[in-house]
Amino acid sequence: MEGLLSLLLFAGFFFLMMRFGCGAHMAHGGHGHHGAGDAPDHTDPVCGMKVPTTAGYGKMHDGSLYRFCSRSCLDKFEADPDHYLNPKEEGA
């Protein structure tokens, strides 16, 4: 019976340490990366699709990063960036 009581006390202590103590960060996906999934999506300037920061293709243009959903959109942008960054109003 004494062994069972020791086991229960150890299990309770282990649970409390993992939940609130040194192991608490393990339940949130790693220490130092809190909020990393909250990064905003970029909008593909060619097709308007939302592109996550970690996906698609990236291109620096005039000091700004643009993200593209596909290589096709990136190629269209590279051919004429001003067309997509400064669209002209239709009918004007």
PDB file of N, CA and C in Angstrom:
ATOM      1  N   MET A   1       0.821  -1.187   0.000  1.00  0.00           N
ATOM      2  CA  MET A   1       0.000   0.000   0.000  1.00  0.00           C
ATOM      3  C   MET A   1       0.875   1.265   0.000  1.00  0.00           C
ATOM      4  N   GLU A   2       2.028   1.166   0.668  1.00  0.00           N
ATOM      5  CA  GLU A   2       2.925   2.321   0.716  1.00  0.00           C
ATOM      6  C   GLU A   2       3.475   2.626  -0.674  1.00  0.00           C
ATOM      7  N   GLY A   3       3.721   1.597  -1.488  1.00  0.00           N
ATOM      8  CA  GLY A   3       4.213   1.787  -2.855  1.00  0.00           C
ATOM      9  C   GLY A   3       3.177   2.476  -3.732  1.00  0.00           C
ATOM     10  N   LEU A   4       1.900   2.141  -3.534  1.00  0.00           N
ATOM     11  CA  LEU A   4       0.829   2.761  -4.300  1.00  0.00           C
ATOM     12  C   LEU A   4       0.702   4.244  -3.949  1.00  0.00           C
ATOM     13  N   LEU A   5       0.807   4.571  -2.672  1.00  0.00           N
ATOM     14  CA  LEU A   5       0.732   5.961  -2.235  1.00  0.00           C
ATOM     15  C   LEU A   5       1.906   6.766  -2.816  1.00  0.00           C
ATOM     16  N   SER A   6       3.096   6.204  -2.813  1.00  0.00           N
ATOM     17  CA  SER A   6       4.264   6.878  -3.394  1.00  0.00           C
ATOM     18  C   SER A   6       4.075   7.094  -4.896  1.00  0.00           C
ATOM     19  N   LEU A   7       3.535   6.104  -5.567  1.00  0.00           N
ATOM     20  CA  LEU A   7       3.283   6.228  -6.997  1.00  0.00           C
ATOM     21  C   LEU A   7       2.276   7.327  -7.285  1.00  0.00           C
ATOM     22  N   LEU A   8       1.196   7.375  -6.520  1.00  0.00           N
ATOM     23  CA  LEU A   8       0.176   8.409  -6.718  1.00  0.00           C
ATOM     24  C   LEU A   8       0.732   9.811  -6.436  1.00  0.00           C
ATOM     25  N   LEU A   9       1.546   9.946  -5.391  1.00  0.00           N
ATOM     26  CA  LEU A   9       2.155  11.243  -5.094  1.00  0.00           C
ATOM     27  C   LEU A   9       3.106  11.660  -6.221  1.00  0.00           C
ATOM     28  N   PHE A  10       3.901  10.727  -6.699  1.00  0.00           N
ATOM     29  CA  PHE A  10       4.813  11.026  -7.796  1.00  0.00           C
ATOM     30  C   PHE A  10       4.045  11.397  -9.071  1.00  0.00           C
ATOM     31  N   ALA A  11       2.977  10.654  -9.382  1.00  0.00           N
ATOM     32  CA  ALA A  11       2.170  10.938 -10.571  1.00  0.00           C
ATOM     33  C   ALA A  11       1.515  12.307 -10.464  1.00  0.00           C
ATOM     34  N   GLY A  12       1.008  12.667  -9.267  1.00  0.00           N
ATOM     35  CA  GLY A  12       0.410  13.983  -9.065  1.00  0.00           C
ATOM     36  C   GLY A  12       1.435  15.096  -9.236  1.00  0.00           C
ATOM     37  N   PHE A  13       2.609  14.918  -8.673  1.00  0.00           N
ATOM     38  CA  PHE A  13       3.683  15.904  -8.814  1.00  0.00           C
ATOM     39  C   PHE A  13       4.103  16.035 -10.279  1.00  0.00           C
ATOM     40  N   PHE A  14       4.228  14.916 -10.971  1.00  0.00           N
ATOM     41  CA  PHE A  14       4.600  14.922 -12.381  1.00  0.00           C
ATOM     42  C   PHE A  14       3.557  15.654 -13.212  1.00  0.00           C
ATOM     43  N   PHE A  15       2.279  15.399 -12.956  1.00  0.00           N
ATOM     44  CA  PHE A  15       1.203  16.067 -13.669  1.00  0.00           C
ATOM     45  C   PHE A  15       1.264  17.577 -13.449  1.00  0.00           C
ATOM     46  N   LEU A  16       1.424  18.004 -12.202  1.00  0.00           N
ATOM     47  CA  LEU A  16       1.475  19.438 -11.905  1.00  0.00           C
ATOM     48  C   LEU A  16       2.670  20.111 -12.571  1.00  0.00           C
ATOM     49  N   MET A  17       3.812  19.458 -12.579  1.00  0.00           N
ATOM     50  CA  MET A  17       4.991  20.048 -13.209  1.00  0.00           C
ATOM     51  C   MET A  17       4.821  20.125 -14.728  1.00  0.00           C
ATOM     52  N   MET A  18       4.236  19.126 -15.336  1.00  0.00           N
ATOM     53  CA  MET A  18       4.034  19.156 -16.781  1.00  0.00           C
ATOM     54  C   MET A  18       2.947  20.153 -17.167  1.00  0.00           C
ATOM     55  N   ARG A  19       1.956  20.312 -16.327  1.00  0.00           N
ATOM     56  CA  ARG A  19       0.848  21.222 -16.644  1.00  0.00           C
ATOM     57  C   ARG A  19       1.202  22.679 -16.382  1.00  0.00           C
ATOM     58  N   PHE A  20       1.860  22.955 -15.279  1.00  0.00           N
ATOM     59  CA  PHE A  20       2.101  24.340 -14.882  1.00  0.00           C
ATOM     60  C   PHE A  20       3.573  24.707 -14.748  1.00  0.00           C
ATOM     61  N   GLY A  21       4.441  23.742 -14.722  1.00  0.00           N
ATOM     62  CA  GLY A  21       5.848  24.021 -14.445  1.00  0.00           C
ATOM     63  C   GLY A  21       6.716  23.978 -15.672  1.00  0.00           C
ATOM     64  N   CYS A  22       7.846  23.294 -15.531  1.00  0.00           N
ATOM     65  CA  CYS A  22       8.865  23.300 -16.577  1.00  0.00           C
ATOM     66  C   CYS A  22       8.415  22.643 -17.869  1.00  0.00           C
ATOM     67  N   GLY A  23       7.445  21.782 -17.851  1.00  0.00           N
ATOM     68  CA  GLY A  23       6.980  21.119 -19.067  1.00  0.00           C
ATOM     69  C   GLY A  23       5.772  21.771 -19.700  1.00  0.00           C
ATOM     70  N   ALA A  24       5.314  22.906 -19.166  1.00  0.00           N
ATOM     71  CA  ALA A  24       4.102  23.539 -19.672  1.00  0.00           C
ATOM     72  C   ALA A  24       4.236  23.964 -21.124  1.00  0.00           C
ATOM     73  N   HIS A  25       5.421  24.360 -21.542  1.00  0.00           N
ATOM     74  CA  HIS A  25       5.599  24.814 -22.915  1.00  0.00           C
ATOM     75  C   HIS A  25       5.440  23.696 -23.930  1.00  0.00           C
ATOM     76  N   MET A  26       5.582  22.456 -23.507  1.00  0.00           N
ATOM     77  CA  MET A  26       5.469  21.331 -24.433  1.00  0.00           C
ATOM     78  C   MET A  26       4.060  21.188 -24.981  1.00  0.00           C
ATOM     79  N   ALA A  27       3.070  21.591 -24.233  1.00  0.00           N
ATOM     80  CA  ALA A  27       1.688  21.466 -24.674  1.00  0.00           C
ATOM     81  C   ALA A  27       1.323  22.500 -25.721  1.00  0.00           C
ATOM     82  N   HIS A  28       2.156  23.500 -25.912  1.00  0.00           N
ATOM     83  CA  HIS A  28       1.839  24.577 -26.847  1.00  0.00           C
ATOM     84  C   HIS A  28       2.687  24.528 -28.102  1.00  0.00           C
ATOM     85  N   GLY A  29       3.343  23.431 -28.370  1.00  0.00           N
ATOM     86  CA  GLY A  29       4.083  23.289 -29.612  1.00  0.00           C
ATOM     87  C   GLY A  29       5.521  23.756 -29.592  1.00  0.00           C
ATOM     88  N   GLY A  30       6.100  23.963 -28.444  1.00  0.00           N
ATOM     89  CA  GLY A  30       7.506  24.335 -28.396  1.00  0.00           C
ATOM     90  C   GLY A  30       7.721  25.671 -27.739  1.00  0.00           C
ATOM     91  N   HIS A  31       8.838  25.781 -27.087  1.00  0.00           N
ATOM     92  CA  HIS A  31       9.169  26.999 -26.345  1.00  0.00           C
ATOM     93  C   HIS A  31       9.722  28.057 -27.291  1.00  0.00           C
ATOM     94  N   GLY A  32       9.274  29.282 -27.154  1.00  0.00           N
ATOM     95  CA  GLY A  32       9.786  30.374 -27.963  1.00  0.00           C
ATOM     96  C   GLY A  32       9.080  30.558 -29.286  1.00  0.00           C
ATOM     97  N   HIS A  33       8.060  29.794 -29.572  1.00  0.00           N
ATOM     98  CA  HIS A  33       7.348  29.909 -30.840  1.00  0.00           C
ATOM     99  C   HIS A  33       5.886  30.270 -30.627  1.00  0.00           C
ATOM    100  N   HIS A  34       5.558  30.883 -29.511  1.00  0.00           N
ATOM    101  CA  HIS A  34       4.178  31.242 -29.250  1.00  0.00           C
ATOM    102  C   HIS A  34       3.724  32.284 -30.248  1.00  0.00           C
ATOM    103  N   GLY A  35       2.562  32.087 -30.839  1.00  0.00           N
ATOM    104  CA  GLY A  35       2.009  33.046 -31.780  1.00  0.00           C
ATOM    105  C   GLY A  35       2.569  32.933 -33.182  1.00  0.00           C
ATOM    106  N   ALA A  36       3.412  31.949 -33.454  1.00  0.00           N
ATOM    107  CA  ALA A  36       3.996  31.830 -34.790  1.00  0.00           C
ATOM    108  C   ALA A  36       2.938  31.495 -35.836  1.00  0.00           C
ATOM    109  N   GLY A  37       1.876  30.805 -35.440  1.00  0.00           N
ATOM    110  CA  GLY A  37       0.806  30.487 -36.368  1.00  0.00           C
ATOM    111  C   GLY A  37      -0.099  31.657 -36.648  1.00  0.00           C
ATOM    112  N   ASP A  38       0.105  32.775 -35.973  1.00  0.00           N
ATOM    113  CA  ASP A  38      -0.734  33.934 -36.149  1.00  0.00           C
ATOM    114  C   ASP A  38      -0.213  34.869 -37.221  1.00  0.00           C
ATOM    115  N   ALA A  39       0.814  34.446 -37.956  1.00  0.00           N
ATOM    116  CA  ALA A  39       1.378  35.319 -38.984  1.00  0.00           C
ATOM    117  C   ALA A  39       0.330  35.573 -40.059  1.00  0.00           C
ATOM    118  N   PRO A  40       0.208  36.801 -40.510  1.00  0.00           N
ATOM    119  CA  PRO A  40      -0.824  37.103 -41.505  1.00  0.00           C
ATOM    120  C   PRO A  40      -0.492  36.501 -42.861  1.00  0.00           C
ATOM    121  N   ASP A  41      -1.536  36.210 -43.618  1.00  0.00           N
ATOM    122  CA  ASP A  41      -1.359  35.733 -44.978  1.00  0.00           C
ATOM    123  C   ASP A  41      -1.052  36.925 -45.874  1.00  0.00           C
ATOM    124  N   HIS A  42      -0.382  36.657 -46.969  1.00  0.00           N
ATOM    125  CA  HIS A  42      -0.128  37.671 -47.994  1.00  0.00           C
ATOM    126  C   HIS A  42      -1.170  37.485 -49.080  1.00  0.00           C
ATOM    127  N   THR A  43      -1.421  38.513 -49.829  1.00  0.00           N
ATOM    128  CA  THR A  43      -2.344  38.425 -50.958  1.00  0.00           C
ATOM    129  C   THR A  43      -1.535  38.444 -52.244  1.00  0.00           C
ATOM    130  N   ASP A  44      -1.749  37.433 -53.067  1.00  0.00           N
ATOM    131  CA  ASP A  44      -1.077  37.344 -54.354  1.00  0.00           C
ATOM    132  C   ASP A  44      -1.544  38.534 -55.198  1.00  0.00           C
ATOM    133  N   PRO A  45      -0.624  39.418 -55.627  1.00  0.00           N
ATOM    134  CA  PRO A  45      -1.046  40.601 -56.369  1.00  0.00           C
ATOM    135  C   PRO A  45      -1.572  40.285 -57.774  1.00  0.00           C
ATOM    136  N   VAL A  46      -1.330  39.083 -58.276  1.00  0.00           N
ATOM    137  CA  VAL A  46      -1.781  38.730 -59.622  1.00  0.00           C
ATOM    138  C   VAL A  46      -3.211  38.204 -59.602  1.00  0.00           C
ATOM    139  N   CYS A  47      -3.483  37.204 -58.748  1.00  0.00           N
ATOM    140  CA  CYS A  47      -4.812  36.584 -58.753  1.00  0.00           C
ATOM    141  C   CYS A  47      -5.652  36.933 -57.535  1.00  0.00           C
ATOM    142  N   GLY A  48      -5.045  37.547 -56.510  1.00  0.00           N
ATOM    143  CA  GLY A  48      -5.797  37.938 -55.319  1.00  0.00           C
ATOM    144  C   GLY A  48      -5.961  36.843 -54.281  1.00  0.00           C
ATOM    145  N   MET A  49      -5.360  35.688 -54.507  1.00  0.00           N
ATOM    146  CA  MET A  49      -5.480  34.558 -53.574  1.00  0.00           C
ATOM    147  C   MET A  49      -4.650  34.820 -52.319  1.00  0.00           C
ATOM    148  N   LYS A  50      -5.142  34.378 -51.156  1.00  0.00           N
ATOM    149  CA  LYS A  50      -4.394  34.466 -49.907  1.00  0.00           C
ATOM    150  C   LYS A  50      -3.303  33.395 -49.914  1.00  0.00           C
ATOM    151  N   VAL A  51      -2.067  33.810 -49.586  1.00  0.00           N
ATOM    152  CA  VAL A  51      -0.921  32.896 -49.582  1.00  0.00           C
ATOM    153  C   VAL A  51      -0.274  32.951 -48.206  1.00  0.00           C
ATOM    154  N   PRO A  52      -0.219  31.812 -47.478  1.00  0.00           N
ATOM    155  CA  PRO A  52       0.443  31.813 -46.178  1.00  0.00           C
ATOM    156  C   PRO A  52       1.911  32.195 -46.302  1.00  0.00           C
ATOM    157  N   THR A  53       2.461  32.751 -45.242  1.00  0.00           N
ATOM    158  CA  THR A  53       3.850  33.202 -45.226  1.00  0.00           C
ATOM    159  C   THR A  53       4.817  32.066 -45.540  1.00  0.00           C
ATOM    160  N   THR A  54       4.461  30.852 -45.171  1.00  0.00           N
ATOM    161  CA  THR A  54       5.366  29.714 -45.350  1.00  0.00           C
ATOM    162  C   THR A  54       5.114  28.945 -46.634  1.00  0.00           C
ATOM    163  N   ALA A  55       4.243  29.441 -47.515  1.00  0.00           N
ATOM    164  CA  ALA A  55       3.909  28.699 -48.730  1.00  0.00           C
ATOM    165  C   ALA A  55       4.120  29.564 -49.963  1.00  0.00           C
ATOM    166  N   GLY A  56       4.025  28.939 -51.112  1.00  0.00           N
ATOM    167  CA  GLY A  56       4.093  29.665 -52.371  1.00  0.00           C
ATOM    168  C   GLY A  56       5.488  30.159 -52.694  1.00  0.00           C
ATOM    169  N   TYR A  57       5.539  31.187 -53.530  1.00  0.00           N
ATOM    170  CA  TYR A  57       6.786  31.779 -53.988  1.00  0.00           C
ATOM    171  C   TYR A  57       6.886  33.203 -53.468  1.00  0.00           C
ATOM    172  N   GLY A  58       8.084  33.640 -53.159  1.00  0.00           N
ATOM    173  CA  GLY A  58       8.297  34.992 -52.675  1.00  0.00           C
ATOM    174  C   GLY A  58       9.171  35.778 -53.639  1.00  0.00           C
ATOM    175  N   LYS A  59       8.917  37.083 -53.723  1.00  0.00           N
ATOM    176  CA  LYS A  59       9.705  37.944 -54.610  1.00  0.00           C
ATOM    177  C   LYS A  59       9.833  39.306 -53.950  1.00  0.00           C
ATOM    178  N   MET A  60      11.078  39.792 -53.815  1.00  0.00           N
ATOM    179  CA  MET A  60      11.318  41.144 -53.331  1.00  0.00           C
ATOM    180  C   MET A  60      11.239  42.089 -54.524  1.00  0.00           C
ATOM    181  N   HIS A  61      10.473  43.166 -54.359  1.00  0.00           N
ATOM    182  CA  HIS A  61      10.354  44.164 -55.416  1.00  0.00           C
ATOM    183  C   HIS A  61      10.268  45.534 -54.766  1.00  0.00           C
ATOM    184  N   ASP A  62      11.199  46.408 -55.091  1.00  0.00           N
ATOM    185  CA  ASP A  62      11.262  47.766 -54.521  1.00  0.00           C
ATOM    186  C   ASP A  62      11.206  47.755 -52.996  1.00  0.00           C
ATOM    187  N   GLY A  63      11.908  46.789 -52.383  1.00  0.00           N
ATOM    188  CA  GLY A  63      12.006  46.727 -50.929  1.00  0.00           C
ATOM    189  C   GLY A  63      10.829  46.086 -50.225  1.00  0.00           C
ATOM    190  N   SER A  64       9.871  45.545 -50.958  1.00  0.00           N
ATOM    191  CA  SER A  64       8.716  44.872 -50.357  1.00  0.00           C
ATOM    192  C   SER A  64       8.683  43.421 -50.809  1.00  0.00           C
ATOM    193  N   LEU A  65       8.224  42.557 -49.906  1.00  0.00           N
ATOM    194  CA  LEU A  65       8.088  41.137 -50.221  1.00  0.00           C
ATOM    195  C   LEU A  65       6.675  40.866 -50.716  1.00  0.00           C
ATOM    196  N   TYR A  66       6.575  40.218 -51.845  1.00  0.00           N
ATOM    197  CA  TYR A  66       5.289  39.791 -52.388  1.00  0.00           C
ATOM    198  C   TYR A  66       5.308  38.276 -52.460  1.00  0.00           C
ATOM    199  N   ARG A  67       4.177  37.634 -52.156  1.00  0.00           N
ATOM    200  CA  ARG A  67       4.084  36.175 -52.202  1.00  0.00           C
ATOM    201  C   ARG A  67       3.074  35.785 -53.263  1.00  0.00           C
ATOM    202  N   PHE A  68       3.365  34.670 -53.936  1.00  0.00           N
ATOM    203  CA  PHE A  68       2.555  34.216 -55.062  1.00  0.00           C
ATOM    204  C   PHE A  68       2.132  32.773 -54.837  1.00  0.00           C
ATOM    205  N   CYS A  69       0.919  32.455 -55.262  1.00  0.00           N
ATOM    206  CA  CYS A  69       0.378  31.113 -55.047  1.00  0.00           C
ATOM    207  C   CYS A  69       1.019  30.080 -55.969  1.00  0.00           C
ATOM    208  N   SER A  70       1.503  30.519 -57.133  1.00  0.00           N
ATOM    209  CA  SER A  70       2.067  29.576 -58.099  1.00  0.00           C
ATOM    210  C   SER A  70       3.197  30.227 -58.892  1.00  0.00           C
ATOM    211  N   ARG A  71       3.934  29.401 -59.575  1.00  0.00           N
ATOM    212  CA  ARG A  71       5.014  29.901 -60.428  1.00  0.00           C
ATOM    213  C   ARG A  71       4.435  30.718 -61.585  1.00  0.00           C
ATOM    214  N   SER A  72       3.256  30.344 -62.041  1.00  0.00           N
ATOM    215  CA  SER A  72       2.607  31.073 -63.132  1.00  0.00           C
ATOM    216  C   SER A  72       2.323  32.522 -62.731  1.00  0.00           C
ATOM    217  N   CYS A  73       1.798  32.730 -61.523  1.00  0.00           N
ATOM    218  CA  CYS A  73       1.535  34.092 -61.045  1.00  0.00           C
ATOM    219  C   CYS A  73       2.835  34.869 -60.873  1.00  0.00           C
ATOM    220  N   LEU A  74       3.867  34.216 -60.372  1.00  0.00           N
ATOM    221  CA  LEU A  74       5.162  34.876 -60.215  1.00  0.00           C
ATOM    222  C   LEU A  74       5.715  35.303 -61.575  1.00  0.00           C
ATOM    223  N   ASP A  75       5.602  34.428 -62.598  1.00  0.00           N
ATOM    224  CA  ASP A  75       6.094  34.766 -63.930  1.00  0.00           C
ATOM    225  C   ASP A  75       5.331  35.954 -64.516  1.00  0.00           C
ATOM    226  N   LYS A  76       4.024  35.989 -64.316  1.00  0.00           N
ATOM    227  CA  LYS A  76       3.225  37.116 -64.811  1.00  0.00           C
ATOM    228  C   LYS A  76       3.642  38.413 -64.129  1.00  0.00           C
ATOM    229  N   PHE A  77       3.894  38.344 -62.825  1.00  0.00           N
ATOM    230  CA  PHE A  77       4.321  39.520 -62.083  1.00  0.00           C
ATOM    231  C   PHE A  77       5.685  40.005 -62.557  1.00  0.00           C
ATOM    232  N   GLU A  78       6.619  39.088 -62.740  1.00  0.00           N
ATOM    233  CA  GLU A  78       7.965  39.460 -63.178  1.00  0.00           C
ATOM    234  C   GLU A  78       7.955  40.099 -64.569  1.00  0.00           C
ATOM    235  N   ALA A  79       7.013  39.685 -65.414  1.00  0.00           N
ATOM    236  CA  ALA A  79       6.929  40.240 -66.761  1.00  0.00           C
ATOM    237  C   ALA A  79       6.482  41.704 -66.740  1.00  0.00           C
ATOM    238  N   ASP A  80       5.588  42.072 -65.799  1.00  0.00           N
ATOM    239  CA  ASP A  80       5.071  43.448 -65.751  1.00  0.00           C
ATOM    240  C   ASP A  80       4.597  43.784 -64.334  1.00  0.00           C
ATOM    241  N   PRO A  81       5.528  44.039 -63.401  1.00  0.00           N
ATOM    242  CA  PRO A  81       5.130  44.294 -62.017  1.00  0.00           C
ATOM    243  C   PRO A  81       4.234  45.519 -61.847  1.00  0.00           C
ATOM    244  N   ASP A  82       4.473  46.579 -62.618  1.00  0.00           N
ATOM    245  CA  ASP A  82       3.664  47.795 -62.473  1.00  0.00           C
ATOM    246  C   ASP A  82       2.195  47.553 -62.809  1.00  0.00           C
ATOM    247  N   HIS A  83       1.933  46.634 -63.718  1.00  0.00           N
ATOM    248  CA  HIS A  83       0.551  46.305 -64.080  1.00  0.00           C
ATOM    249  C   HIS A  83      -0.226  45.771 -62.866  1.00  0.00           C
ATOM    250  N   TYR A  84       0.445  45.007 -62.011  1.00  0.00           N
ATOM    251  CA  TYR A  84      -0.222  44.396 -60.861  1.00  0.00           C
ATOM    252  C   TYR A  84      -0.136  45.258 -59.603  1.00  0.00           C
ATOM    253  N   LEU A  85       0.881  46.094 -59.501  1.00  0.00           N
ATOM    254  CA  LEU A  85       1.027  46.935 -58.312  1.00  0.00           C
ATOM    255  C   LEU A  85       0.279  48.255 -58.446  1.00  0.00           C
ATOM    256  N   ASN A  86       0.099  48.741 -59.661  1.00  0.00           N
ATOM    257  CA  ASN A  86      -0.602  50.003 -59.910  1.00  0.00           C
ATOM    258  C   ASN A  86      -1.670  49.782 -60.966  1.00  0.00           C
ATOM    259  N   PRO A  87      -2.724  49.032 -60.630  1.00  0.00           N
ATOM    260  CA  PRO A  87      -3.741  48.741 -61.644  1.00  0.00           C
ATOM    261  C   PRO A  87      -4.466  50.040 -62.060  1.00  0.00           C
ATOM    262  N   LYS A  88      -4.700  50.154 -63.352  1.00  0.00           N
ATOM    263  CA  LYS A  88      -5.429  51.316 -63.870  1.00  0.00           C
ATOM    264  C   LYS A  88      -6.910  51.055 -63.745  1.00  0.00           C
ATOM    265  N   GLU A  89      -7.673  52.095 -63.431  1.00  0.00           N
ATOM    266  CA  GLU A  89      -9.119  51.932 -63.315  1.00  0.00           C
ATOM    267  C   GLU A  89      -9.710  51.681 -64.687  1.00  0.00           C
ATOM    268  N   GLU A  90     -10.658  50.745 -64.737  1.00  0.00           N
ATOM    269  CA  GLU A  90     -11.294  50.432 -66.011  1.00  0.00           C
ATOM    270  C   GLU A  90     -12.241  51.565 -66.386  1.00  0.00           C
ATOM    271  N   GLY A  91     -12.275  51.875 -67.648  1.00  0.00           N
ATOM    272  CA  GLY A  91     -13.174  52.909 -68.150  1.00  0.00           C
ATOM    273  C   GLY A  91     -12.621  54.308 -68.003  1.00  0.00           C
ATOM    274  N   ALA A  92     -11.389  54.448 -67.569  1.00  0.00           N
ATOM    275  CA  ALA A  92     -10.827  55.786 -67.400  1.00  0.00           C
ATOM    276  C   ALA A  92      -9.916  56.141 -68.540  1.00  0.00           C
TER     277      ALA A  92
END
